[in-house]
Amino acid sequence: MLYIPILHIDTNLINSRRKLNAVNQLERWCEDGVMLINMSGTAYAEAQADGDRRRLRKASQQIFTTTPAVNDRDPRFKCVESVLFPNGAADQNQQNDVRIVCEAAKYGAILVTSDGASKSQPGGILGNRDKLRDVVQIMSPNEAVAFVRSKICERDEFNERVSREIGGELPPWTGKD
């Protein structure tokens, strides 16, 4: 397994229809034991609430956090809320967005989401990630794939260097992820 932070996927990346190519790649690496994908308990609860059986089945295959969600009076919650929703989180969905960001920060995970940074939704989580960089690292699915690929390349280059300097065979999985 690569030594990288765990990736926390947002509810919008559960990918029950397998149409998100970048998420498919991340899931393949997870299935192959290259890296870990988790989700927050809040994201898991959101997936259960919408009633889509495929989505629920897919979410149930994920490892998810089980610690209590951050309280809306917690300083970290207030910090994230003020960035994402300057006038305060107006509803449960917005509070959940704040909690999902806070849970990724709590576990030192990289939050992977498709929430925001688009023409139709310029703000959102991705659109505000620079303001949250001191709290948590946030990536789009494509950025997460590029990040993991770069870590795989670093690992393989290290293996090749050790093999050259010390001798011996490369691990059979080198260059195959």
N, C-alpha and C. Protein backbone atom coordinates (compact mmCIF):
# COMPACT_ATOMS: atom_id res chain seq x y z
N MET A 1 0.84 -1.17 0.00
CA MET A 1 0.00 0.00 0.00
C MET A 1 0.89 1.24 0.00
N LEU A 2 0.47 2.24 -0.77
CA LEU A 2 1.19 3.51 -0.81
C LEU A 2 1.05 4.24 0.51
N TYR A 3 2.09 4.94 0.88
CA TYR A 3 2.02 5.77 2.07
C TYR A 3 1.53 7.15 1.64
N ILE A 4 0.22 7.31 1.63
CA ILE A 4 -0.41 8.59 1.33
C ILE A 4 -1.58 8.75 2.29
N PRO A 5 -2.04 9.98 2.48
CA PRO A 5 -3.22 10.15 3.32
C PRO A 5 -4.40 9.37 2.73
N ILE A 6 -5.28 8.96 3.59
CA ILE A 6 -6.51 8.31 3.15
C ILE A 6 -7.35 9.33 2.39
N LEU A 7 -8.02 8.88 1.36
CA LEU A 7 -8.93 9.75 0.63
C LEU A 7 -10.33 9.58 1.20
N HIS A 8 -10.98 10.67 1.52
CA HIS A 8 -12.39 10.65 1.92
C HIS A 8 -13.20 11.11 0.72
N ILE A 9 -14.11 10.28 0.25
CA ILE A 9 -14.95 10.72 -0.86
C ILE A 9 -16.22 11.38 -0.33
N ASP A 10 -16.66 12.38 -1.05
CA ASP A 10 -17.89 13.08 -0.72
C ASP A 10 -19.07 12.24 -1.22
N THR A 11 -20.24 12.54 -0.73
CA THR A 11 -21.45 11.81 -1.13
C THR A 11 -21.64 11.83 -2.64
N ASN A 12 -21.27 12.93 -3.30
CA ASN A 12 -21.50 13.05 -4.74
C ASN A 12 -20.58 12.16 -5.57
N LEU A 13 -19.69 11.40 -4.93
CA LEU A 13 -18.78 10.51 -5.66
C LEU A 13 -19.01 9.04 -5.35
N ILE A 14 -20.17 8.70 -4.84
CA ILE A 14 -20.44 7.29 -4.53
C ILE A 14 -20.41 6.43 -5.79
N ASN A 15 -20.78 6.98 -6.93
CA ASN A 15 -20.53 6.33 -8.23
C ASN A 15 -21.25 4.99 -8.39
N SER A 16 -22.51 4.93 -8.00
CA SER A 16 -23.24 3.66 -8.06
C SER A 16 -23.47 3.18 -9.49
N ARG A 17 -23.45 4.08 -10.45
CA ARG A 17 -23.63 3.67 -11.86
C ARG A 17 -22.29 3.50 -12.58
N ARG A 18 -21.18 3.75 -11.88
CA ARG A 18 -19.82 3.57 -12.41
C ARG A 18 -19.56 4.42 -13.65
N LYS A 19 -20.14 5.61 -13.70
CA LYS A 19 -19.95 6.49 -14.85
C LYS A 19 -18.86 7.54 -14.63
N LEU A 20 -18.29 7.59 -13.45
CA LEU A 20 -17.26 8.58 -13.14
C LEU A 20 -15.90 7.92 -13.31
N ASN A 21 -15.25 8.17 -14.45
CA ASN A 21 -14.01 7.47 -14.78
C ASN A 21 -12.92 7.65 -13.74
N ALA A 22 -12.74 8.86 -13.26
CA ALA A 22 -11.69 9.09 -12.26
C ALA A 22 -11.99 8.31 -10.98
N VAL A 23 -13.25 8.29 -10.57
CA VAL A 23 -13.62 7.54 -9.37
C VAL A 23 -13.46 6.04 -9.62
N ASN A 24 -13.78 5.58 -10.83
CA ASN A 24 -13.55 4.17 -11.16
C ASN A 24 -12.08 3.81 -10.97
N GLN A 25 -11.17 4.70 -11.40
CA GLN A 25 -9.74 4.44 -11.25
C GLN A 25 -9.34 4.39 -9.77
N LEU A 26 -9.83 5.34 -8.99
CA LEU A 26 -9.54 5.35 -7.56
C LEU A 26 -10.04 4.06 -6.90
N GLU A 27 -11.25 3.65 -7.27
CA GLU A 27 -11.82 2.42 -6.70
C GLU A 27 -11.00 1.20 -7.10
N ARG A 28 -10.51 1.17 -8.33
CA ARG A 28 -9.67 0.05 -8.79
C ARG A 28 -8.40 -0.03 -7.94
N TRP A 29 -7.75 1.11 -7.72
CA TRP A 29 -6.55 1.11 -6.87
C TRP A 29 -6.88 0.67 -5.46
N CYS A 30 -8.03 1.08 -4.95
CA CYS A 30 -8.44 0.66 -3.61
C CYS A 30 -8.64 -0.86 -3.57
N GLU A 31 -9.36 -1.38 -4.56
CA GLU A 31 -9.60 -2.83 -4.63
C GLU A 31 -8.30 -3.61 -4.76
N ASP A 32 -7.30 -3.03 -5.44
CA ASP A 32 -6.01 -3.68 -5.62
C ASP A 32 -5.08 -3.50 -4.42
N GLY A 33 -5.54 -2.79 -3.40
CA GLY A 33 -4.74 -2.61 -2.20
C GLY A 33 -3.65 -1.56 -2.33
N VAL A 34 -3.77 -0.68 -3.31
CA VAL A 34 -2.75 0.36 -3.52
C VAL A 34 -2.95 1.52 -2.54
N MET A 35 -4.19 1.88 -2.26
CA MET A 35 -4.50 3.00 -1.37
C MET A 35 -5.89 2.78 -0.77
N LEU A 36 -6.26 3.65 0.17
CA LEU A 36 -7.54 3.52 0.85
C LEU A 36 -8.49 4.65 0.48
N ILE A 37 -9.76 4.29 0.37
CA ILE A 37 -10.83 5.27 0.21
C ILE A 37 -11.80 5.05 1.37
N ASN A 38 -12.10 6.11 2.07
CA ASN A 38 -13.10 6.09 3.13
C ASN A 38 -14.13 7.17 2.83
N MET A 39 -15.12 7.24 3.68
CA MET A 39 -16.07 8.35 3.61
C MET A 39 -16.47 8.71 5.03
N SER A 40 -16.94 9.91 5.19
CA SER A 40 -17.37 10.33 6.52
C SER A 40 -18.71 9.68 6.84
N GLY A 41 -18.98 9.54 8.12
CA GLY A 41 -20.27 9.02 8.53
C GLY A 41 -21.40 9.90 8.04
N THR A 42 -21.15 11.19 7.94
CA THR A 42 -22.15 12.13 7.43
C THR A 42 -22.47 11.83 5.97
N ALA A 43 -21.44 11.60 5.16
CA ALA A 43 -21.66 11.27 3.74
C ALA A 43 -22.41 9.94 3.62
N TYR A 44 -22.05 8.98 4.46
CA TYR A 44 -22.74 7.69 4.45
C TYR A 44 -24.22 7.87 4.80
N ALA A 45 -24.51 8.68 5.81
CA ALA A 45 -25.91 8.93 6.19
C ALA A 45 -26.67 9.63 5.07
N GLU A 46 -26.03 10.55 4.37
CA GLU A 46 -26.67 11.21 3.23
C GLU A 46 -27.03 10.20 2.15
N ALA A 47 -26.14 9.27 1.89
CA ALA A 47 -26.38 8.25 0.87
C ALA A 47 -27.56 7.37 1.26
N GLN A 48 -27.68 7.07 2.53
CA GLN A 48 -28.80 6.25 3.00
C GLN A 48 -30.13 6.99 2.89
N ALA A 49 -30.09 8.29 3.09
CA ALA A 49 -31.32 9.08 3.17
C ALA A 49 -32.02 9.27 1.83
N ASP A 50 -31.29 9.17 0.72
CA ASP A 50 -31.95 9.49 -0.55
C ASP A 50 -32.78 8.35 -1.14
N GLY A 51 -32.68 7.15 -0.59
CA GLY A 51 -33.54 6.05 -1.00
C GLY A 51 -33.14 5.31 -2.26
N ASP A 52 -32.07 5.71 -2.92
CA ASP A 52 -31.59 5.02 -4.13
C ASP A 52 -30.89 3.73 -3.70
N ARG A 53 -31.47 2.59 -4.08
CA ARG A 53 -30.94 1.29 -3.62
C ARG A 53 -29.54 1.02 -4.14
N ARG A 54 -29.26 1.37 -5.40
CA ARG A 54 -27.90 1.15 -5.93
C ARG A 54 -26.88 1.99 -5.17
N ARG A 55 -27.25 3.21 -4.92
CA ARG A 55 -26.35 4.11 -4.20
C ARG A 55 -26.13 3.63 -2.77
N LEU A 56 -27.17 3.17 -2.12
CA LEU A 56 -27.05 2.65 -0.77
C LEU A 56 -26.16 1.41 -0.74
N ARG A 57 -26.35 0.52 -1.71
CA ARG A 57 -25.52 -0.69 -1.79
C ARG A 57 -24.06 -0.33 -1.99
N LYS A 58 -23.80 0.64 -2.87
CA LYS A 58 -22.42 1.07 -3.14
C LYS A 58 -21.83 1.74 -1.90
N ALA A 59 -22.59 2.60 -1.25
CA ALA A 59 -22.10 3.27 -0.04
C ALA A 59 -21.81 2.27 1.07
N SER A 60 -22.60 1.21 1.13
CA SER A 60 -22.40 0.19 2.17
C SER A 60 -21.11 -0.59 1.98
N GLN A 61 -20.50 -0.51 0.81
CA GLN A 61 -19.23 -1.18 0.56
C GLN A 61 -18.05 -0.34 1.05
N GLN A 62 -18.30 0.91 1.41
CA GLN A 62 -17.24 1.82 1.83
C GLN A 62 -16.95 1.68 3.32
N ILE A 63 -15.72 1.96 3.68
CA ILE A 63 -15.37 2.16 5.08
C ILE A 63 -15.79 3.59 5.40
N PHE A 64 -16.47 3.78 6.52
CA PHE A 64 -16.88 5.13 6.88
C PHE A 64 -16.61 5.39 8.35
N THR A 65 -16.47 6.65 8.70
CA THR A 65 -16.17 7.02 10.08
C THR A 65 -17.40 6.78 10.94
N THR A 66 -17.16 6.44 12.19
CA THR A 66 -18.27 6.18 13.10
C THR A 66 -18.22 7.06 14.34
N THR A 67 -17.27 7.96 14.40
CA THR A 67 -17.21 8.86 15.54
C THR A 67 -18.29 9.92 15.39
N PRO A 68 -18.69 10.53 16.49
CA PRO A 68 -19.73 11.56 16.39
C PRO A 68 -19.31 12.68 15.44
N ALA A 69 -20.27 13.16 14.68
CA ALA A 69 -20.01 14.27 13.76
C ALA A 69 -19.67 15.52 14.57
N VAL A 70 -18.93 16.40 13.96
CA VAL A 70 -18.54 17.64 14.63
C VAL A 70 -19.79 18.45 14.97
N ASN A 71 -19.79 19.02 16.14
CA ASN A 71 -20.90 19.82 16.64
C ASN A 71 -20.91 21.18 15.94
N ASP A 72 -22.09 21.70 15.68
CA ASP A 72 -22.18 22.98 14.96
C ASP A 72 -21.70 24.17 15.79
N ARG A 73 -21.35 23.96 17.05
CA ARG A 73 -20.76 25.02 17.87
C ARG A 73 -19.24 24.89 17.95
N ASP A 74 -18.69 23.82 17.39
CA ASP A 74 -17.24 23.59 17.40
C ASP A 74 -16.53 24.68 16.60
N PRO A 75 -15.39 25.17 17.07
CA PRO A 75 -14.67 26.23 16.33
C PRO A 75 -14.31 25.83 14.89
N ARG A 76 -13.95 24.56 14.68
CA ARG A 76 -13.62 24.14 13.31
C ARG A 76 -14.87 24.20 12.44
N PHE A 77 -16.01 23.76 12.96
CA PHE A 77 -17.27 23.83 12.21
C PHE A 77 -17.54 25.28 11.83
N LYS A 78 -17.41 26.18 12.80
CA LYS A 78 -17.69 27.60 12.55
C LYS A 78 -16.73 28.16 11.49
N CYS A 79 -15.47 27.76 11.56
CA CYS A 79 -14.47 28.23 10.58
C CYS A 79 -14.85 27.78 9.17
N VAL A 80 -15.13 26.48 9.01
CA VAL A 80 -15.48 25.94 7.69
C VAL A 80 -16.81 26.53 7.21
N GLU A 81 -17.78 26.62 8.11
CA GLU A 81 -19.08 27.19 7.75
C GLU A 81 -18.93 28.62 7.24
N SER A 82 -18.09 29.41 7.90
CA SER A 82 -17.93 30.82 7.48
C SER A 82 -17.30 30.93 6.10
N VAL A 83 -16.50 29.95 5.71
CA VAL A 83 -15.91 29.95 4.37
C VAL A 83 -16.93 29.50 3.33
N LEU A 84 -17.57 28.36 3.60
CA LEU A 84 -18.51 27.79 2.61
C LEU A 84 -19.82 28.58 2.54
N PHE A 85 -20.30 29.02 3.68
CA PHE A 85 -21.61 29.69 3.75
C PHE A 85 -21.48 30.92 4.66
N PRO A 86 -21.00 32.03 4.12
CA PRO A 86 -20.74 33.22 4.96
C PRO A 86 -21.95 33.68 5.78
N ASN A 87 -23.15 33.41 5.30
CA ASN A 87 -24.35 33.79 6.05
C ASN A 87 -24.85 32.66 6.94
N GLY A 88 -24.06 31.61 7.08
CA GLY A 88 -24.44 30.46 7.89
C GLY A 88 -25.06 29.37 7.03
N ALA A 89 -24.89 28.14 7.46
CA ALA A 89 -25.48 27.00 6.75
C ALA A 89 -26.99 27.08 6.90
N ALA A 90 -27.69 27.20 5.78
CA ALA A 90 -29.13 27.46 5.80
C ALA A 90 -29.98 26.22 6.01
N ASP A 91 -29.44 25.04 5.71
CA ASP A 91 -30.25 23.83 5.82
C ASP A 91 -29.35 22.64 6.16
N GLN A 92 -29.98 21.48 6.28
CA GLN A 92 -29.25 20.27 6.65
C GLN A 92 -28.19 19.89 5.61
N ASN A 93 -28.49 20.07 4.33
CA ASN A 93 -27.50 19.75 3.29
C ASN A 93 -26.24 20.60 3.44
N GLN A 94 -26.42 21.87 3.71
CA GLN A 94 -25.26 22.74 3.90
C GLN A 94 -24.50 22.38 5.17
N GLN A 95 -25.22 22.06 6.24
CA GLN A 95 -24.55 21.62 7.46
C GLN A 95 -23.76 20.33 7.20
N ASN A 96 -24.35 19.44 6.40
CA ASN A 96 -23.64 18.20 6.06
C ASN A 96 -22.36 18.48 5.28
N ASP A 97 -22.40 19.44 4.35
CA ASP A 97 -21.18 19.81 3.62
C ASP A 97 -20.09 20.25 4.59
N VAL A 98 -20.47 21.06 5.56
CA VAL A 98 -19.50 21.53 6.55
C VAL A 98 -18.96 20.35 7.35
N ARG A 99 -19.83 19.45 7.77
CA ARG A 99 -19.40 18.29 8.56
C ARG A 99 -18.48 17.37 7.76
N ILE A 100 -18.78 17.19 6.48
CA ILE A 100 -17.94 16.32 5.63
C ILE A 100 -16.53 16.90 5.53
N VAL A 101 -16.42 18.21 5.36
CA VAL A 101 -15.10 18.85 5.32
C VAL A 101 -14.41 18.69 6.67
N CYS A 102 -15.14 18.93 7.76
CA CYS A 102 -14.55 18.83 9.10
C CYS A 102 -14.10 17.41 9.42
N GLU A 103 -14.86 16.40 9.00
CA GLU A 103 -14.47 15.02 9.28
C GLU A 103 -13.21 14.64 8.51
N ALA A 104 -13.08 15.10 7.27
CA ALA A 104 -11.84 14.82 6.53
C ALA A 104 -10.66 15.46 7.26
N ALA A 105 -10.84 16.68 7.75
CA ALA A 105 -9.78 17.36 8.49
C ALA A 105 -9.45 16.60 9.78
N LYS A 106 -10.47 16.15 10.47
CA LYS A 106 -10.28 15.44 11.74
C LYS A 106 -9.41 14.20 11.55
N TYR A 107 -9.58 13.51 10.45
CA TYR A 107 -8.84 12.27 10.20
C TYR A 107 -7.59 12.47 9.36
N GLY A 108 -7.26 13.71 9.06
CA GLY A 108 -6.07 13.98 8.25
C GLY A 108 -6.18 13.41 6.85
N ALA A 109 -7.40 13.31 6.36
CA ALA A 109 -7.67 12.73 5.04
C ALA A 109 -7.72 13.84 3.99
N ILE A 110 -7.57 13.43 2.75
CA ILE A 110 -7.77 14.34 1.62
C ILE A 110 -9.23 14.18 1.20
N LEU A 111 -9.97 15.27 1.16
CA LEU A 111 -11.36 15.22 0.73
C LEU A 111 -11.42 15.29 -0.79
N VAL A 112 -12.06 14.30 -1.39
CA VAL A 112 -12.25 14.27 -2.84
C VAL A 112 -13.73 14.52 -3.10
N THR A 113 -14.00 15.55 -3.89
CA THR A 113 -15.38 15.96 -4.13
C THR A 113 -15.53 16.57 -5.51
N SER A 114 -16.76 16.62 -5.98
CA SER A 114 -17.06 17.36 -7.21
C SER A 114 -17.99 18.53 -6.89
N ASP A 115 -18.07 18.91 -5.63
CA ASP A 115 -18.93 19.98 -5.17
C ASP A 115 -18.28 21.34 -5.44
N GLY A 116 -18.78 22.05 -6.44
CA GLY A 116 -18.33 23.41 -6.70
C GLY A 116 -17.23 23.54 -7.74
N ALA A 117 -16.72 24.76 -7.88
CA ALA A 117 -15.67 25.12 -8.84
C ALA A 117 -16.09 24.87 -10.28
N SER A 118 -17.36 25.08 -10.57
CA SER A 118 -17.87 24.94 -11.94
C SER A 118 -18.62 26.22 -12.29
N LYS A 119 -18.99 26.34 -13.57
CA LYS A 119 -19.74 27.53 -13.98
C LYS A 119 -21.09 27.60 -13.28
N SER A 120 -21.73 26.43 -13.11
CA SER A 120 -23.05 26.43 -12.47
C SER A 120 -22.94 26.56 -10.95
N GLN A 121 -21.81 26.18 -10.38
CA GLN A 121 -21.62 26.25 -8.93
C GLN A 121 -20.19 26.73 -8.66
N PRO A 122 -19.94 28.03 -8.81
CA PRO A 122 -18.57 28.54 -8.69
C PRO A 122 -17.98 28.43 -7.29
N GLY A 123 -18.81 28.40 -6.29
CA GLY A 123 -18.32 28.30 -4.91
C GLY A 123 -18.19 26.85 -4.50
N GLY A 124 -19.01 26.46 -3.57
CA GLY A 124 -18.98 25.09 -3.10
C GLY A 124 -17.66 24.76 -2.42
N ILE A 125 -17.45 23.48 -2.21
CA ILE A 125 -16.26 23.04 -1.50
C ILE A 125 -15.01 23.26 -2.34
N LEU A 126 -15.03 22.81 -3.60
CA LEU A 126 -13.84 22.98 -4.46
C LEU A 126 -13.53 24.44 -4.71
N GLY A 127 -14.56 25.23 -4.92
CA GLY A 127 -14.36 26.64 -5.20
C GLY A 127 -13.78 27.42 -4.03
N ASN A 128 -13.87 26.85 -2.84
CA ASN A 128 -13.35 27.52 -1.64
C ASN A 128 -12.15 26.80 -1.03
N ARG A 129 -11.59 25.86 -1.76
CA ARG A 129 -10.51 25.06 -1.16
C ARG A 129 -9.28 25.87 -0.80
N ASP A 130 -8.98 26.91 -1.56
CA ASP A 130 -7.82 27.73 -1.20
C ASP A 130 -8.02 28.38 0.18
N LYS A 131 -9.24 28.78 0.46
CA LYS A 131 -9.53 29.39 1.77
C LYS A 131 -9.49 28.35 2.88
N LEU A 132 -9.64 27.06 2.53
CA LEU A 132 -9.66 25.98 3.53
C LEU A 132 -8.34 25.22 3.59
N ARG A 133 -7.33 25.65 2.84
CA ARG A 133 -6.08 24.87 2.74
C ARG A 133 -5.38 24.67 4.08
N ASP A 134 -5.60 25.55 5.04
CA ASP A 134 -5.00 25.37 6.36
C ASP A 134 -5.80 24.40 7.23
N VAL A 135 -6.98 24.02 6.75
CA VAL A 135 -7.85 23.10 7.49
C VAL A 135 -7.74 21.69 6.93
N VAL A 136 -7.83 21.57 5.60
CA VAL A 136 -7.88 20.25 4.96
C VAL A 136 -7.46 20.39 3.49
N GLN A 137 -6.92 19.31 2.95
CA GLN A 137 -6.59 19.29 1.52
C GLN A 137 -7.82 18.78 0.77
N ILE A 138 -8.20 19.48 -0.30
CA ILE A 138 -9.39 19.14 -1.07
C ILE A 138 -9.00 19.00 -2.53
N MET A 139 -9.47 17.92 -3.16
CA MET A 139 -9.16 17.65 -4.57
C MET A 139 -10.41 17.25 -5.32
N SER A 140 -10.38 17.49 -6.62
CA SER A 140 -11.39 16.93 -7.52
C SER A 140 -11.00 15.47 -7.78
N PRO A 141 -11.90 14.67 -8.33
CA PRO A 141 -11.54 13.28 -8.65
C PRO A 141 -10.34 13.19 -9.59
N ASN A 142 -10.29 14.02 -10.63
CA ASN A 142 -9.16 13.98 -11.56
C ASN A 142 -7.85 14.35 -10.88
N GLU A 143 -7.90 15.32 -10.00
CA GLU A 143 -6.69 15.70 -9.25
C GLU A 143 -6.25 14.57 -8.32
N ALA A 144 -7.20 13.88 -7.72
CA ALA A 144 -6.86 12.76 -6.84
C ALA A 144 -6.18 11.64 -7.63
N VAL A 145 -6.68 11.37 -8.84
CA VAL A 145 -6.05 10.35 -9.69
C VAL A 145 -4.63 10.77 -10.03
N ALA A 146 -4.43 12.02 -10.41
CA ALA A 146 -3.08 12.50 -10.74
C ALA A 146 -2.16 12.42 -9.52
N PHE A 147 -2.68 12.74 -8.34
CA PHE A 147 -1.91 12.67 -7.10
C PHE A 147 -1.47 11.23 -6.82
N VAL A 148 -2.41 10.30 -6.89
CA VAL A 148 -2.07 8.90 -6.62
C VAL A 148 -1.09 8.38 -7.67
N ARG A 149 -1.31 8.73 -8.93
CA ARG A 149 -0.36 8.31 -9.99
C ARG A 149 1.05 8.82 -9.69
N SER A 150 1.16 10.05 -9.24
CA SER A 150 2.49 10.60 -8.94
C SER A 150 3.13 9.84 -7.79
N LYS A 151 2.33 9.43 -6.81
CA LYS A 151 2.86 8.66 -5.68
C LYS A 151 3.26 7.25 -6.11
N ILE A 152 2.51 6.68 -7.03
CA ILE A 152 2.87 5.36 -7.58
C ILE A 152 4.20 5.46 -8.32
N CYS A 153 4.37 6.52 -9.12
CA CYS A 153 5.64 6.72 -9.84
C CYS A 153 6.80 6.89 -8.87
N GLU A 154 6.59 7.66 -7.82
CA GLU A 154 7.65 7.84 -6.81
C GLU A 154 8.02 6.50 -6.18
N ARG A 155 7.02 5.71 -5.84
CA ARG A 155 7.26 4.40 -5.24
C ARG A 155 8.04 3.50 -6.19
N ASP A 156 7.61 3.46 -7.46
CA ASP A 156 8.28 2.60 -8.44
C ASP A 156 9.71 3.05 -8.70
N GLU A 157 9.92 4.37 -8.78
CA GLU A 157 11.28 4.88 -8.97
C GLU A 157 12.17 4.52 -7.78
N PHE A 158 11.62 4.59 -6.59
CA PHE A 158 12.36 4.21 -5.39
C PHE A 158 12.73 2.73 -5.45
N ASN A 159 11.77 1.88 -5.80
CA ASN A 159 12.04 0.43 -5.92
C ASN A 159 13.14 0.16 -6.93
N GLU A 160 13.07 0.85 -8.07
CA GLU A 160 14.09 0.65 -9.11
C GLU A 160 15.47 1.10 -8.63
N ARG A 161 15.52 2.21 -7.91
CA ARG A 161 16.80 2.69 -7.38
C ARG A 161 17.38 1.71 -6.37
N VAL A 162 16.55 1.22 -5.46
CA VAL A 162 17.01 0.25 -4.47
C VAL A 162 17.50 -1.01 -5.16
N SER A 163 16.77 -1.46 -6.17
CA SER A 163 17.17 -2.66 -6.90
C SER A 163 18.52 -2.47 -7.58
N ARG A 164 18.74 -1.29 -8.17
CA ARG A 164 20.02 -0.99 -8.83
C ARG A 164 21.17 -0.92 -7.82
N GLU A 165 20.92 -0.25 -6.70
CA GLU A 165 21.99 0.00 -5.74
C GLU A 165 22.31 -1.20 -4.87
N ILE A 166 21.32 -1.96 -4.52
CA ILE A 166 21.52 -3.09 -3.61
C ILE A 166 21.52 -4.42 -4.35
N GLY A 167 20.86 -4.43 -5.48
CA GLY A 167 20.71 -5.68 -6.22
C GLY A 167 19.39 -6.33 -5.87
N GLY A 168 19.10 -7.38 -6.53
CA GLY A 168 17.85 -8.07 -6.28
C GLY A 168 16.80 -7.71 -7.31
N GLU A 169 15.70 -8.40 -7.20
CA GLU A 169 14.62 -8.22 -8.17
C GLU A 169 13.64 -7.16 -7.69
N LEU A 170 13.03 -6.53 -8.65
CA LEU A 170 11.96 -5.59 -8.34
C LEU A 170 10.74 -6.37 -7.86
N PRO A 171 9.96 -5.78 -6.96
CA PRO A 171 8.69 -6.42 -6.61
C PRO A 171 7.86 -6.62 -7.88
N PRO A 172 7.13 -7.72 -8.00
CA PRO A 172 6.41 -8.02 -9.24
C PRO A 172 5.35 -6.98 -9.61
N TRP A 173 4.88 -6.20 -8.66
CA TRP A 173 3.85 -5.21 -8.95
C TRP A 173 4.42 -3.88 -9.39
N THR A 174 5.72 -3.71 -9.37
CA THR A 174 6.34 -2.44 -9.78
C THR A 174 5.97 -2.13 -11.23
N GLY A 175 5.47 -0.93 -11.45
CA GLY A 175 5.11 -0.50 -12.80
C GLY A 175 3.79 -1.04 -13.31
N LYS A 176 3.00 -1.69 -12.46
CA LYS A 176 1.75 -2.30 -12.93
C LYS A 176 0.50 -1.66 -12.37
N ASP A 177 0.65 -0.68 -11.50
CA ASP A 177 -0.55 -0.05 -10.94
C ASP A 177 -1.06 0.96 -11.92
